[in-house]
Amino acid sequence: QVQLAESGGGLVQAGGSLRLSCIISGGTFGAYPVWWYRQAPGQQRELVGSITGYGDTNYADSVKGRFTISREVSRNMVYLQMDRLKPGDTAVYYCHHGAEWGPGTQVTVSS
């Protein structure tokens, strides 16, 4: 059974950085995209960005230039590097692949 798990969340001051990881178990990412989403309290889940099976990336305008998605195929890992974090980036971050979602990891950015 394919499962996803995020890690790397935490508390950081505005302007700081975090790197989130998403690992897949019970399968591989293969040629299919991996998506990063986030959900802030009281808000709808929103797309942060994605990486295709070819390594092409896309980002939401709100994070473009600050966030970078990459992957390490041999380790079944996808990363979300978040730089110049803002309090508005506070949310639970999820990775999504196929029909699967991870449980999420909390990111809190203090002002």
Protein backbone atom coordinates (compact mmCIF):
# COMPACT_ATOMS: atom_id res chain seq x y z
CA GLN A 1 0.00 0.00 0.00
CA VAL A 2 1.38 3.37 -1.05
CA GLN A 3 1.79 5.87 1.76
CA LEU A 4 3.19 9.38 1.95
CA ALA A 5 4.76 11.03 4.95
CA GLU A 6 5.91 14.61 5.39
CA SER A 7 8.57 15.80 7.81
CA GLY A 8 10.63 18.88 8.55
CA GLY A 9 7.99 21.27 9.84
CA GLY A 10 8.51 23.44 12.87
CA LEU A 11 8.63 26.95 14.28
CA VAL A 12 10.78 29.55 12.54
CA GLN A 13 11.10 33.31 12.63
CA ALA A 14 10.05 35.42 9.69
CA GLY A 15 12.83 35.53 7.12
CA GLY A 16 14.04 32.08 8.06
CA SER A 17 14.07 28.82 6.13
CA LEU A 18 12.76 25.29 6.45
CA ARG A 19 13.03 22.25 4.25
CA LEU A 20 10.12 19.85 4.17
CA SER A 21 10.50 16.28 2.99
CA CYS A 22 7.94 13.89 1.55
CA ILE A 23 8.78 10.22 1.37
CA ILE A 24 6.75 7.59 -0.41
CA SER A 25 6.64 4.04 0.87
CA GLY A 26 5.11 0.99 -0.73
CA GLY A 27 5.77 2.38 -4.19
CA THR A 28 7.69 4.94 -6.20
CA PHE A 29 6.86 8.37 -7.52
CA GLY A 30 7.52 7.12 -11.02
CA ALA A 31 6.54 9.40 -13.86
CA TYR A 32 3.68 11.06 -12.01
CA PRO A 33 3.71 14.51 -10.41
CA VAL A 34 3.95 15.26 -6.72
CA TRP A 35 2.05 18.24 -5.38
CA TRP A 36 2.60 20.31 -2.27
CA TYR A 37 -0.46 21.89 -0.66
CA ARG A 38 -0.98 23.86 2.50
CA GLN A 39 -3.91 24.68 4.71
CA ALA A 40 -3.99 27.53 7.18
CA PRO A 41 -6.49 27.60 10.06
CA GLY A 42 -9.94 28.47 8.79
CA GLN A 43 -8.75 28.47 5.19
CA GLN A 44 -9.20 26.14 2.27
CA ARG A 45 -6.34 23.90 1.22
CA GLU A 46 -4.30 25.67 -1.45
CA LEU A 47 -1.75 24.50 -3.95
CA VAL A 48 1.83 25.53 -3.23
CA GLY A 49 3.55 23.89 -6.17
CA SER A 50 4.35 20.70 -7.98
CA ILE A 51 7.08 18.69 -9.64
CA THR A 52 6.48 16.45 -12.62
CA GLY A 53 8.02 13.08 -13.35
CA TYR A 54 10.45 14.92 -15.60
CA GLY A 55 11.49 17.31 -12.86
CA ASP A 56 9.59 20.34 -14.14
CA THR A 57 8.25 22.56 -11.38
CA ASN A 58 5.44 25.06 -10.99
CA TYR A 59 4.63 27.35 -8.07
CA ALA A 60 1.82 29.45 -6.75
CA ASP A 61 2.42 33.16 -7.22
CA SER A 62 2.47 33.63 -3.45
CA VAL A 63 5.59 31.47 -3.06
CA LYS A 64 7.32 31.92 -6.40
CA GLY A 65 10.93 32.94 -5.91
CA ARG A 66 10.94 31.85 -2.26
CA PHE A 67 10.07 28.14 -2.41
CA THR A 68 11.82 25.42 -4.40
CA ILE A 69 10.62 21.87 -5.05
CA SER A 70 13.14 19.17 -5.84
CA ARG A 71 13.31 15.42 -5.72
CA GLU A 72 15.71 12.59 -5.07
CA VAL A 73 14.41 9.71 -7.15
CA SER A 74 16.75 7.07 -5.72
CA ARG A 75 15.43 7.76 -2.22
CA ASN A 76 11.77 8.27 -3.18
CA MET A 77 11.97 11.72 -1.65
CA VAL A 78 10.52 15.06 -2.71
CA TYR A 79 11.54 18.26 -0.96
CA LEU A 80 10.04 21.69 -0.44
CA GLN A 81 12.73 24.24 0.36
CA MET A 82 11.11 27.32 1.88
CA ASP A 83 13.15 30.50 2.18
CA ARG A 84 12.30 34.03 3.31
CA LEU A 85 9.35 32.68 5.20
CA LYS A 86 6.52 34.98 6.18
CA PRO A 87 3.88 34.69 8.90
CA GLY A 88 1.37 34.16 6.09
CA ASP A 89 3.13 30.90 5.25
CA THR A 90 1.95 29.40 8.54
CA ALA A 91 -0.06 26.29 7.69
CA VAL A 92 -0.10 22.54 7.67
CA TYR A 93 1.79 21.39 4.58
CA TYR A 94 0.80 18.25 2.70
CA CYS A 95 2.30 16.28 -0.14
CA HIS A 96 -0.02 14.60 -2.62
CA HIS A 97 0.67 11.96 -5.24
CA GLY A 98 -1.89 10.01 -7.23
CA ALA A 99 -4.75 9.33 -4.83
CA GLU A 100 -2.60 9.56 -1.72
CA TRP A 101 -2.07 12.35 0.80
CA GLY A 102 0.37 12.52 3.63
CA PRO A 103 -0.83 13.42 7.14
CA GLY A 104 0.80 16.85 6.93
CA THR A 105 3.46 18.72 8.85
CA GLN A 106 2.93 21.97 10.72
CA VAL A 107 4.90 25.07 9.74
CA THR A 108 4.63 28.09 12.00
CA VAL A 109 6.32 31.37 11.12
CA SER A 110 6.54 33.94 13.89
CA SER A 111 6.76 37.66 13.23
